[in-house]
């Protein structure tokens, strides 16, 4: 596939952009230097981006979640909330927000939902402390939201068939493919059969690329195919495109015939009763909680 003219990783794009915005050259150079140091110190992407969030949150909690002004923070949160309500979001539902941040939208979800109906996850302890401050400042303590630190998206500690809505805003736009795949491999298990998972992403029609390992650009068909690999259906949300937001949105659903089967991973060489081998890689990939048939099983299909 050829390079797209708006590929932000291309040298020609960066030169043109610098010529149009010379005032941003020095801040970009500082960001590049900081990110290089953080990458060298970090063993994996989650550790790296946790360090990025710590650095950003030290300057501004709202800036760390991508809002450069308080007005922008309020507006983007309201945009997410209004969109879900227009798609049938109800107070009695249970919601999982992946990458809840400092509750830019979460404060509205929490206030709207019944007590205990909101579960927020984030990889950043610093931003979760900011989320606690948001709760206290707004006075939402009686809503008893869950705010949980994670270091992966296997979601193994959450119950099956539990959430009506799973939501991830501006998370996959900062995630390499392996992080997105890990989420899609496991998210269907925690969704109710009639639930859905909405996530935004930075869309490109050209070559997929990243900028400083912070911003990742994907083709729609890549993410649709990835969801399909785990038995999930993905729909491009065209009505979201009409709203004032630069990212695009996909909605993931579980086909009615999709079933999840949990099991304890076998010990080395004990994968099958009939003596067949070859599950050690499967066990390493899925950890202590896995699912037959790569995480999913169509009704009536054999698992092995």
C-alpha atoms as a PDB file:
ATOM      1  CA  UNK A   1       0.000   0.000   0.000  1.00  0.00           C
ATOM      2  CA  UNK A   2       1.334   3.423  -0.915  1.00  0.00           C
ATOM      3  CA  UNK A   3       1.939   6.240   1.515  1.00  0.00           C
ATOM      4  CA  UNK A   4      -0.951   8.596   2.164  1.00  0.00           C
ATOM      5  CA  UNK A   5      -0.267  12.354   1.869  1.00  0.00           C
ATOM      6  CA  UNK A   6      -1.651  12.876   5.396  1.00  0.00           C
ATOM      7  CA  UNK A   7       0.542  10.211   6.975  1.00  0.00           C
ATOM      8  CA  UNK A   8       1.877  12.159   9.958  1.00  0.00           C
ATOM      9  CA  UNK A   9       4.917   9.891  10.240  1.00  0.00           C
ATOM     10  CA  UNK A  10       6.229  10.974   6.823  1.00  0.00           C
ATOM     11  CA  UNK A  11       9.109  13.447   6.725  1.00  0.00           C
ATOM     12  CA  UNK A  12       7.413  15.485   3.988  1.00  0.00           C
ATOM     13  CA  UNK A  13       4.275  15.864   6.112  1.00  0.00           C
ATOM     14  CA  UNK A  14       6.324  16.981   9.122  1.00  0.00           C
ATOM     15  CA  UNK A  15       8.245  19.533   7.054  1.00  0.00           C
ATOM     16  CA  UNK A  16       5.036  20.992   5.601  1.00  0.00           C
ATOM     17  CA  UNK A  17       3.413  21.059   9.028  1.00  0.00           C
ATOM     18  CA  UNK A  18       6.436  22.775  10.601  1.00  0.00           C
ATOM     19  CA  UNK A  19       6.418  25.403   7.862  1.00  0.00           C
ATOM     20  CA  UNK A  20       2.744  26.172   8.566  1.00  0.00           C
ATOM     21  CA  UNK A  21       3.116  26.055  12.355  1.00  0.00           C
ATOM     22  CA  UNK A  22       6.652  27.147  13.308  1.00  0.00           C
ATOM     23  CA  UNK A  23       5.527  27.921  16.869  1.00  0.00           C
ATOM     24  CA  UNK A  24       4.992  24.182  17.446  1.00  0.00           C
ATOM     25  CA  UNK A  25       8.491  23.051  16.503  1.00  0.00           C
ATOM     26  CA  UNK A  26      10.047  23.543  19.948  1.00  0.00           C
ATOM     27  CA  UNK A  27       7.171  21.873  21.863  1.00  0.00           C
ATOM     28  CA  UNK A  28       7.311  18.924  19.462  1.00  0.00           C
ATOM     29  CA  UNK A  29      11.070  18.607  19.916  1.00  0.00           C
ATOM     30  CA  UNK A  30      10.599  18.566  23.700  1.00  0.00           C
ATOM     31  CA  UNK A  31       7.892  15.909  23.387  1.00  0.00           C
ATOM     32  CA  UNK A  32      10.127  13.832  21.120  1.00  0.00           C
ATOM     33  CA  UNK A  33      13.014  14.012  23.603  1.00  0.00           C
ATOM     34  CA  UNK A  34      10.770  13.147  26.550  1.00  0.00           C
ATOM     35  CA  UNK A  35       9.120  10.245  24.757  1.00  0.00           C
ATOM     36  CA  UNK A  36      12.466   8.831  23.641  1.00  0.00           C
ATOM     37  CA  UNK A  37      13.707   8.773  27.221  1.00  0.00           C
ATOM     38  CA  UNK A  38      10.459   7.211  28.491  1.00  0.00           C
ATOM     39  CA  UNK A  39      10.523   4.512  25.805  1.00  0.00           C
ATOM     40  CA  UNK A  40      14.096   3.573  26.675  1.00  0.00           C
ATOM     41  CA  UNK A  41      13.088   3.179  30.330  1.00  0.00           C
ATOM     42  CA  UNK A  42       9.902   1.213  29.651  1.00  0.00           C
ATOM     43  CA  UNK A  43       9.773  -2.550  28.959  1.00  0.00           C
ATOM     44  CA  UNK A  44       6.435  -2.438  27.116  1.00  0.00           C
ATOM     45  CA  UNK A  45       3.823  -0.054  25.709  1.00  0.00           C
ATOM     46  CA  UNK A  46       1.636  -0.005  28.817  1.00  0.00           C
ATOM     47  CA  UNK A  47       4.583   0.959  31.006  1.00  0.00           C
ATOM     48  CA  UNK A  48       5.612   3.569  28.465  1.00  0.00           C
ATOM     49  CA  UNK A  49       2.196   5.162  28.173  1.00  0.00           C
ATOM     50  CA  UNK A  50       1.719   5.062  31.947  1.00  0.00           C
ATOM     51  CA  UNK A  51       4.885   7.150  32.173  1.00  0.00           C
ATOM     52  CA  UNK A  52       3.571   9.514  29.478  1.00  0.00           C
ATOM     53  CA  UNK A  53       0.365  10.000  31.469  1.00  0.00           C
ATOM     54  CA  UNK A  54       2.315  10.653  34.641  1.00  0.00           C
ATOM     55  CA  UNK A  55       4.342  13.328  32.881  1.00  0.00           C
ATOM     56  CA  UNK A  56       1.268  14.926  31.306  1.00  0.00           C
ATOM     57  CA  UNK A  57      -0.839  14.763  34.481  1.00  0.00           C
ATOM     58  CA  UNK A  58       1.903  16.535  36.424  1.00  0.00           C
ATOM     59  CA  UNK A  59       1.156  19.572  34.278  1.00  0.00           C
ATOM     60  CA  UNK A  60      -2.609  19.202  33.889  1.00  0.00           C
ATOM     61  CA  UNK A  61      -5.111  16.428  34.579  1.00  0.00           C
ATOM     62  CA  UNK A  62      -7.352  17.691  31.805  1.00  0.00           C
ATOM     63  CA  UNK A  63      -4.453  18.069  29.399  1.00  0.00           C
ATOM     64  CA  UNK A  64      -3.393  14.492  30.120  1.00  0.00           C
ATOM     65  CA  UNK A  65      -6.708  13.219  28.706  1.00  0.00           C
ATOM     66  CA  UNK A  66      -6.410  15.404  25.610  1.00  0.00           C
ATOM     67  CA  UNK A  67      -8.308  18.551  26.607  1.00  0.00           C
ATOM     68  CA  UNK A  68      -6.208  21.706  26.454  1.00  0.00           C
ATOM     69  CA  UNK A  69      -8.895  23.883  28.088  1.00  0.00           C
ATOM     70  CA  UNK A  70     -11.548  23.249  30.713  1.00  0.00           C
ATOM     71  CA  UNK A  71     -14.221  24.233  28.207  1.00  0.00           C
ATOM     72  CA  UNK A  72     -12.959  21.558  25.816  1.00  0.00           C
ATOM     73  CA  UNK A  73     -12.950  19.006  28.651  1.00  0.00           C
ATOM     74  CA  UNK A  74     -16.585  19.775  29.402  1.00  0.00           C
ATOM     75  CA  UNK A  75     -17.689  19.755  25.763  1.00  0.00           C
ATOM     76  CA  UNK A  76     -15.996  16.479  24.786  1.00  0.00           C
ATOM     77  CA  UNK A  77     -17.415  14.747  27.846  1.00  0.00           C
ATOM     78  CA  UNK A  78     -20.902  16.032  27.031  1.00  0.00           C
ATOM     79  CA  UNK A  79     -20.518  14.914  23.423  1.00  0.00           C
ATOM     80  CA  UNK A  80     -19.807  11.332  24.484  1.00  0.00           C
ATOM     81  CA  UNK A  81     -22.685  11.271  26.952  1.00  0.00           C
ATOM     82  CA  UNK A  82     -25.255  12.751  24.573  1.00  0.00           C
ATOM     83  CA  UNK A  83     -24.267  10.293  21.849  1.00  0.00           C
ATOM     84  CA  UNK A  84     -24.786   7.249  24.052  1.00  0.00           C
ATOM     85  CA  UNK A  85     -28.117   8.535  25.358  1.00  0.00           C
ATOM     86  CA  UNK A  86     -29.264   9.015  21.764  1.00  0.00           C
ATOM     87  CA  UNK A  87     -28.411   5.338  21.209  1.00  0.00           C
ATOM     88  CA  UNK A  88     -30.511   3.986  24.053  1.00  0.00           C
ATOM     89  CA  UNK A  89     -28.251   4.386  27.089  1.00  0.00           C
ATOM     90  CA  UNK A  90     -30.468   4.016  30.182  1.00  0.00           C
ATOM     91  CA  UNK A  91     -29.927   4.661  33.931  1.00  0.00           C
ATOM     92  CA  UNK A  92     -30.479   1.018  34.875  1.00  0.00           C
ATOM     93  CA  UNK A  93     -27.680  -0.249  32.649  1.00  0.00           C
ATOM     94  CA  UNK A  94     -24.209  -1.323  33.741  1.00  0.00           C
ATOM     95  CA  UNK A  95     -21.268   0.347  32.045  1.00  0.00           C
ATOM     96  CA  UNK A  96     -17.570  -0.453  31.715  1.00  0.00           C
ATOM     97  CA  UNK A  97     -15.399   2.470  30.649  1.00  0.00           C
ATOM     98  CA  UNK A  98     -11.940   1.471  29.439  1.00  0.00           C
ATOM     99  CA  UNK A  99      -9.565   4.398  29.847  1.00  0.00           C
ATOM    100  CA  UNK A 100     -11.836   6.382  32.158  1.00  0.00           C
ATOM    101  CA  UNK A 101      -9.202   9.081  32.705  1.00  0.00           C
ATOM    102  CA  UNK A 102     -10.192  11.842  35.109  1.00  0.00           C
ATOM    103  CA  UNK A 103     -13.877  11.239  34.275  1.00  0.00           C
ATOM    104  CA  UNK A 104     -14.216  13.718  31.447  1.00  0.00           C
ATOM    105  CA  UNK A 105     -17.322  11.815  30.364  1.00  0.00           C
ATOM    106  CA  UNK A 106     -17.389   9.440  33.319  1.00  0.00           C
ATOM    107  CA  UNK A 107     -18.756  12.087  35.667  1.00  0.00           C
ATOM    108  CA  UNK A 108     -21.858  12.314  33.464  1.00  0.00           C
ATOM    109  CA  UNK A 109     -22.185   8.532  33.130  1.00  0.00           C
ATOM    110  CA  UNK A 110     -21.870   8.083  36.908  1.00  0.00           C
ATOM    111  CA  UNK A 111     -24.453  10.757  37.682  1.00  0.00           C
ATOM    112  CA  UNK A 112     -26.881   9.253  35.150  1.00  0.00           C
ATOM    113  CA  UNK A 113     -26.528   5.586  36.111  1.00  0.00           C
ATOM    114  CA  UNK A 114     -27.959   3.904  39.177  1.00  0.00           C
ATOM    115  CA  UNK A 115     -25.527   3.535  42.121  1.00  0.00           C
ATOM    116  CA  UNK A 116     -22.841   0.964  41.386  1.00  0.00           C
ATOM    117  CA  UNK A 117     -23.617   0.910  37.671  1.00  0.00           C
ATOM    118  CA  UNK A 118     -20.302   2.421  36.529  1.00  0.00           C
ATOM    119  CA  UNK A 119     -16.955   0.618  36.363  1.00  0.00           C
ATOM    120  CA  UNK A 120     -13.950   2.627  35.172  1.00  0.00           C
ATOM    121  CA  UNK A 121     -10.519   1.232  34.282  1.00  0.00           C
ATOM    122  CA  UNK A 122      -7.263   3.006  33.557  1.00  0.00           C
ATOM    123  CA  UNK A 123      -3.581   2.118  33.309  1.00  0.00           C
ATOM    124  CA  UNK A 124      -2.515   5.350  35.027  1.00  0.00           C
ATOM    125  CA  UNK A 125      -2.550   5.612  38.841  1.00  0.00           C
ATOM    126  CA  UNK A 126      -2.013   9.355  38.534  1.00  0.00           C
ATOM    127  CA  UNK A 127      -5.103   9.875  36.405  1.00  0.00           C
ATOM    128  CA  UNK A 128      -7.197   7.638  38.684  1.00  0.00           C
ATOM    129  CA  UNK A 129      -6.274   9.886  41.604  1.00  0.00           C
ATOM    130  CA  UNK A 130      -7.482  12.773  39.467  1.00  0.00           C
ATOM    131  CA  UNK A 131     -10.715  10.837  38.866  1.00  0.00           C
ATOM    132  CA  UNK A 132     -11.207  10.553  42.623  1.00  0.00           C
ATOM    133  CA  UNK A 133     -10.779  14.309  42.918  1.00  0.00           C
ATOM    134  CA  UNK A 134     -13.383  14.821  40.204  1.00  0.00           C
ATOM    135  CA  UNK A 135     -15.848  12.619  42.098  1.00  0.00           C
ATOM    136  CA  UNK A 136     -15.299  14.547  45.315  1.00  0.00           C
ATOM    137  CA  UNK A 137     -15.528  17.953  43.676  1.00  0.00           C
ATOM    138  CA  UNK A 138     -18.812  17.136  41.931  1.00  0.00           C
ATOM    139  CA  UNK A 139     -20.244  15.240  44.888  1.00  0.00           C
ATOM    140  CA  UNK A 140     -20.878  11.846  43.277  1.00  0.00           C
ATOM    141  CA  UNK A 141     -19.707   9.682  46.162  1.00  0.00           C
ATOM    142  CA  UNK A 142     -23.174   8.232  46.780  1.00  0.00           C
ATOM    143  CA  UNK A 143     -23.148   6.739  43.282  1.00  0.00           C
ATOM    144  CA  UNK A 144     -20.453   4.269  44.403  1.00  0.00           C
ATOM    145  CA  UNK A 145     -18.545   4.051  41.115  1.00  0.00           C
ATOM    146  CA  UNK A 146     -15.723   1.541  40.718  1.00  0.00           C
ATOM    147  CA  UNK A 147     -12.350   2.966  39.668  1.00  0.00           C
ATOM    148  CA  UNK A 148      -9.723   0.306  39.030  1.00  0.00           C
ATOM    149  CA  UNK A 149      -6.069   0.318  37.994  1.00  0.00           C
ATOM    150  CA  UNK A 150      -5.102  -2.230  35.328  1.00  0.00           C
ATOM    151  CA  UNK A 151      -1.979  -3.077  33.359  1.00  0.00           C
ATOM    152  CA  UNK A 152      -3.649  -5.063  30.564  1.00  0.00           C
ATOM    153  CA  UNK A 153      -7.024  -5.488  28.879  1.00  0.00           C
ATOM    154  CA  UNK A 154      -7.668  -9.157  29.536  1.00  0.00           C
ATOM    155  CA  UNK A 155     -10.461  -8.139  31.943  1.00  0.00           C
ATOM    156  CA  UNK A 156     -10.064 -11.494  33.716  1.00  0.00           C
ATOM    157  CA  UNK A 157     -11.205 -10.123  37.097  1.00  0.00           C
ATOM    158  CA  UNK A 158     -14.577  -8.958  35.749  1.00  0.00           C
ATOM    159  CA  UNK A 159     -17.720 -11.143  35.580  1.00  0.00           C
ATOM    160  CA  UNK A 160     -19.046 -12.631  32.357  1.00  0.00           C
ATOM    161  CA  UNK A 161     -22.166 -11.295  30.597  1.00  0.00           C
ATOM    162  CA  UNK A 162     -22.260  -8.288  32.929  1.00  0.00           C
ATOM    163  CA  UNK A 163     -22.054  -4.982  31.060  1.00  0.00           C
ATOM    164  CA  UNK A 164     -24.699  -3.466  28.804  1.00  0.00           C
ATOM    165  CA  UNK A 165     -22.263  -0.861  27.462  1.00  0.00           C
ATOM    166  CA  UNK A 166     -18.482  -0.934  27.164  1.00  0.00           C
ATOM    167  CA  UNK A 167     -16.929   2.371  26.157  1.00  0.00           C
ATOM    168  CA  UNK A 168     -13.409   3.446  25.198  1.00  0.00           C
ATOM    169  CA  UNK A 169     -12.946   7.003  24.010  1.00  0.00           C
ATOM    170  CA  UNK A 170      -9.511   8.023  22.701  1.00  0.00           C
ATOM    171  CA  UNK A 171      -7.891   4.820  23.953  1.00  0.00           C
ATOM    172  CA  UNK A 172      -7.188   2.856  20.784  1.00  0.00           C
ATOM    173  CA  UNK A 173      -5.905   6.059  19.199  1.00  0.00           C
ATOM    174  CA  UNK A 174      -2.972   5.654  21.602  1.00  0.00           C
ATOM    175  CA  UNK A 175      -2.645   1.872  21.379  1.00  0.00           C
ATOM    176  CA  UNK A 176      -0.519  -0.420  19.198  1.00  0.00           C
ATOM    177  CA  UNK A 177      -2.265  -3.313  17.498  1.00  0.00           C
ATOM    178  CA  UNK A 178      -1.366  -5.897  20.150  1.00  0.00           C
ATOM    179  CA  UNK A 179      -3.173  -3.890  22.845  1.00  0.00           C
ATOM    180  CA  UNK A 180      -6.292  -3.515  20.692  1.00  0.00           C
ATOM    181  CA  UNK A 181      -6.247  -7.210  19.864  1.00  0.00           C
ATOM    182  CA  UNK A 182      -5.950  -8.157  23.529  1.00  0.00           C
ATOM    183  CA  UNK A 183      -9.035  -6.094  24.301  1.00  0.00           C
ATOM    184  CA  UNK A 184     -11.093  -7.509  21.436  1.00  0.00           C
ATOM    185  CA  UNK A 185     -10.077 -11.037  22.387  1.00  0.00           C
ATOM    186  CA  UNK A 186     -11.583 -10.612  25.860  1.00  0.00           C
ATOM    187  CA  UNK A 187     -14.196  -7.856  25.843  1.00  0.00           C
ATOM    188  CA  UNK A 188     -16.968 -10.021  24.407  1.00  0.00           C
ATOM    189  CA  UNK A 189     -16.933 -12.222  27.513  1.00  0.00           C
ATOM    190  CA  UNK A 190     -17.843  -9.351  29.874  1.00  0.00           C
ATOM    191  CA  UNK A 191     -20.514  -7.915  27.568  1.00  0.00           C
ATOM    192  CA  UNK A 192     -24.126  -8.960  27.878  1.00  0.00           C
ATOM    193  CA  UNK A 193     -25.258 -10.854  24.767  1.00  0.00           C
ATOM    194  CA  UNK A 194     -27.279  -7.803  23.683  1.00  0.00           C
ATOM    195  CA  UNK A 195     -24.660  -5.281  24.820  1.00  0.00           C
ATOM    196  CA  UNK A 196     -22.264  -3.239  22.709  1.00  0.00           C
ATOM    197  CA  UNK A 197     -18.752  -1.841  22.831  1.00  0.00           C
ATOM    198  CA  UNK A 198     -18.115   1.603  21.354  1.00  0.00           C
ATOM    199  CA  UNK A 199     -14.567   2.800  20.758  1.00  0.00           C
ATOM    200  CA  UNK A 200     -13.005   5.673  18.878  1.00  0.00           C
ATOM    201  CA  UNK A 201      -9.859   5.494  16.792  1.00  0.00           C
ATOM    202  CA  UNK A 202      -7.735   7.694  14.564  1.00  0.00           C
ATOM    203  CA  UNK A 203      -8.712   6.682  11.054  1.00  0.00           C
ATOM    204  CA  UNK A 204      -6.543   6.760   7.964  1.00  0.00           C
ATOM    205  CA  UNK A 205      -7.374   5.809   4.399  1.00  0.00           C
ATOM    206  CA  UNK A 206      -3.708   5.349   3.592  1.00  0.00           C
ATOM    207  CA  UNK A 207      -0.881   3.473   5.250  1.00  0.00           C
ATOM    208  CA  UNK A 208      -1.337   2.709   8.918  1.00  0.00           C
ATOM    209  CA  UNK A 209       1.240   4.507  11.011  1.00  0.00           C
ATOM    210  CA  UNK A 210       2.058   6.018  14.391  1.00  0.00           C
ATOM    211  CA  UNK A 211       3.604   9.226  15.657  1.00  0.00           C
ATOM    212  CA  UNK A 212       6.078   8.892  18.539  1.00  0.00           C
ATOM    213  CA  UNK A 213       4.350   5.660  19.637  1.00  0.00           C
ATOM    214  CA  UNK A 214       1.702   7.926  21.177  1.00  0.00           C
ATOM    215  CA  UNK A 215      -0.769   8.383  18.310  1.00  0.00           C
ATOM    216  CA  UNK A 216      -1.757   5.412  16.139  1.00  0.00           C
ATOM    217  CA  UNK A 217      -3.676   5.558  12.846  1.00  0.00           C
ATOM    218  CA  UNK A 218      -5.628   2.560  11.546  1.00  0.00           C
ATOM    219  CA  UNK A 219      -7.754   1.708   8.561  1.00  0.00           C
ATOM    220  CA  UNK A 220     -11.372   0.890   9.385  1.00  0.00           C
ATOM    221  CA  UNK A 221     -11.232  -2.465   7.610  1.00  0.00           C
ATOM    222  CA  UNK A 222      -8.238  -3.531   9.718  1.00  0.00           C
ATOM    223  CA  UNK A 223     -10.157  -3.121  12.965  1.00  0.00           C
ATOM    224  CA  UNK A 224     -13.344  -4.645  11.555  1.00  0.00           C
ATOM    225  CA  UNK A 225     -11.386  -7.725  10.477  1.00  0.00           C
ATOM    226  CA  UNK A 226      -9.657  -7.937  13.851  1.00  0.00           C
ATOM    227  CA  UNK A 227     -13.007  -7.951  15.656  1.00  0.00           C
ATOM    228  CA  UNK A 228     -14.242 -10.649  13.290  1.00  0.00           C
ATOM    229  CA  UNK A 229     -11.265 -12.805  14.178  1.00  0.00           C
ATOM    230  CA  UNK A 230     -12.776 -13.141  17.657  1.00  0.00           C
ATOM    231  CA  UNK A 231     -16.318 -13.738  16.473  1.00  0.00           C
ATOM    232  CA  UNK A 232     -17.452 -10.134  16.984  1.00  0.00           C
ATOM    233  CA  UNK A 233     -19.330  -7.884  14.581  1.00  0.00           C
ATOM    234  CA  UNK A 234     -18.140  -4.310  13.964  1.00  0.00           C
ATOM    235  CA  UNK A 235     -20.119  -1.406  12.523  1.00  0.00           C
ATOM    236  CA  UNK A 236     -18.737   1.960  11.458  1.00  0.00           C
ATOM    237  CA  UNK A 237     -20.831   4.667  13.149  1.00  0.00           C
ATOM    238  CA  UNK A 238     -21.599   7.118  10.376  1.00  0.00           C
ATOM    239  CA  UNK A 239     -23.713   9.380  12.609  1.00  0.00           C
ATOM    240  CA  UNK A 240     -20.660   9.993  14.831  1.00  0.00           C
ATOM    241  CA  UNK A 241     -18.831  11.371  11.777  1.00  0.00           C
ATOM    242  CA  UNK A 242     -21.263  14.287  11.704  1.00  0.00           C
ATOM    243  CA  UNK A 243     -20.244  15.425  15.181  1.00  0.00           C
ATOM    244  CA  UNK A 244     -17.394  17.843  15.974  1.00  0.00           C
ATOM    245  CA  UNK A 245     -14.744  15.260  16.802  1.00  0.00           C
ATOM    246  CA  UNK A 246     -11.689  14.214  14.808  1.00  0.00           C
ATOM    247  CA  UNK A 247     -11.745  10.517  15.661  1.00  0.00           C
ATOM    248  CA  UNK A 248     -14.015   7.886  14.144  1.00  0.00           C
ATOM    249  CA  UNK A 249     -16.074   5.305  16.021  1.00  0.00           C
ATOM    250  CA  UNK A 250     -16.763   1.575  15.709  1.00  0.00           C
ATOM    251  CA  UNK A 251     -19.470  -0.364  17.541  1.00  0.00           C
ATOM    252  CA  UNK A 252     -18.735  -3.972  18.488  1.00  0.00           C
ATOM    253  CA  UNK A 253     -21.518  -6.464  19.176  1.00  0.00           C
ATOM    254  CA  UNK A 254     -21.728 -10.179  19.970  1.00  0.00           C
ATOM    255  CA  UNK A 255     -23.639 -12.396  17.566  1.00  0.00           C
ATOM    256  CA  UNK A 256     -26.441 -14.255  19.359  1.00  0.00           C
ATOM    257  CA  UNK A 257     -24.801 -17.631  18.744  1.00  0.00           C
ATOM    258  CA  UNK A 258     -21.462 -16.600  20.287  1.00  0.00           C
ATOM    259  CA  UNK A 259     -20.655 -18.427  23.532  1.00  0.00           C
ATOM    260  CA  UNK A 260     -17.696 -17.981  25.871  1.00  0.00           C
ATOM    261  CA  UNK A 261     -16.226 -20.925  27.727  1.00  0.00           C
ATOM    262  CA  UNK A 262     -13.829 -20.303  30.589  1.00  0.00           C
ATOM    263  CA  UNK A 263     -11.308 -22.869  31.711  1.00  0.00           C
ATOM    264  CA  UNK A 264      -8.173 -23.297  33.761  1.00  0.00           C
ATOM    265  CA  UNK A 265      -5.204 -23.574  31.381  1.00  0.00           C
ATOM    266  CA  UNK A 266      -3.682 -27.072  31.192  1.00  0.00           C
ATOM    267  CA  UNK A 267      -0.214 -27.895  32.356  1.00  0.00           C
ATOM    268  CA  UNK A 268       2.482 -28.492  29.788  1.00  0.00           C
ATOM    269  CA  UNK A 269       1.670 -31.593  27.736  1.00  0.00           C
ATOM    270  CA  UNK A 270      -1.842 -32.021  29.188  1.00  0.00           C
ATOM    271  CA  UNK A 271      -3.954 -30.259  26.600  1.00  0.00           C
ATOM    272  CA  UNK A 272      -6.091 -33.137  25.374  1.00  0.00           C
ATOM    273  CA  UNK A 273      -7.355 -36.396  26.792  1.00  0.00           C
ATOM    274  CA  UNK A 274      -6.358 -38.206  23.615  1.00  0.00           C
ATOM    275  CA  UNK A 275      -2.703 -37.344  24.031  1.00  0.00           C
ATOM    276  CA  UNK A 276      -2.481 -34.482  21.510  1.00  0.00           C
ATOM    277  CA  UNK A 277       0.014 -31.769  22.362  1.00  0.00           C
ATOM    278  CA  UNK A 278       0.603 -28.174  21.397  1.00  0.00           C
ATOM    279  CA  UNK A 279      -1.249 -25.945  23.880  1.00  0.00           C
ATOM    280  CA  UNK A 280       1.709 -24.359  25.598  1.00  0.00           C
ATOM    281  CA  UNK A 281       1.624 -21.328  23.296  1.00  0.00           C
ATOM    282  CA  UNK A 282      -2.122 -20.968  23.811  1.00  0.00           C
ATOM    283  CA  UNK A 283      -1.630 -20.982  27.561  1.00  0.00           C
ATOM    284  CA  UNK A 284       1.107 -18.376  27.372  1.00  0.00           C
ATOM    285  CA  UNK A 285      -1.079 -16.122  25.254  1.00  0.00           C
ATOM    286  CA  UNK A 286      -4.174 -16.240  27.445  1.00  0.00           C
ATOM    287  CA  UNK A 287      -2.804 -16.517  30.967  1.00  0.00           C
ATOM    288  CA  UNK A 288      -4.815 -17.882  33.872  1.00  0.00           C
ATOM    289  CA  UNK A 289      -8.207 -17.418  32.259  1.00  0.00           C
ATOM    290  CA  UNK A 290      -8.757 -18.384  28.668  1.00  0.00           C
ATOM    291  CA  UNK A 291     -11.496 -19.238  26.245  1.00  0.00           C
ATOM    292  CA  UNK A 292     -11.839 -22.172  23.932  1.00  0.00           C
ATOM    293  CA  UNK A 293     -11.588 -21.557  20.202  1.00  0.00           C
ATOM    294  CA  UNK A 294      -9.446 -18.402  20.486  1.00  0.00           C
ATOM    295  CA  UNK A 295     -11.832 -16.907  23.001  1.00  0.00           C
ATOM    296  CA  UNK A 296     -15.113 -17.741  21.291  1.00  0.00           C
ATOM    297  CA  UNK A 297     -17.207 -20.567  20.023  1.00  0.00           C
ATOM    298  CA  UNK A 298     -19.991 -20.550  17.468  1.00  0.00           C
ATOM    299  CA  UNK A 299     -22.950 -22.614  18.628  1.00  0.00           C
ATOM    300  CA  UNK A 300     -22.471 -26.228  17.563  1.00  0.00           C
ATOM    301  CA  UNK A 301     -18.841 -25.821  16.516  1.00  0.00           C
ATOM    302  CA  UNK A 302     -16.246 -28.067  18.178  1.00  0.00           C
ATOM    303  CA  UNK A 303     -13.572 -26.309  20.195  1.00  0.00           C
ATOM    304  CA  UNK A 304     -10.642 -28.492  19.165  1.00  0.00           C
END
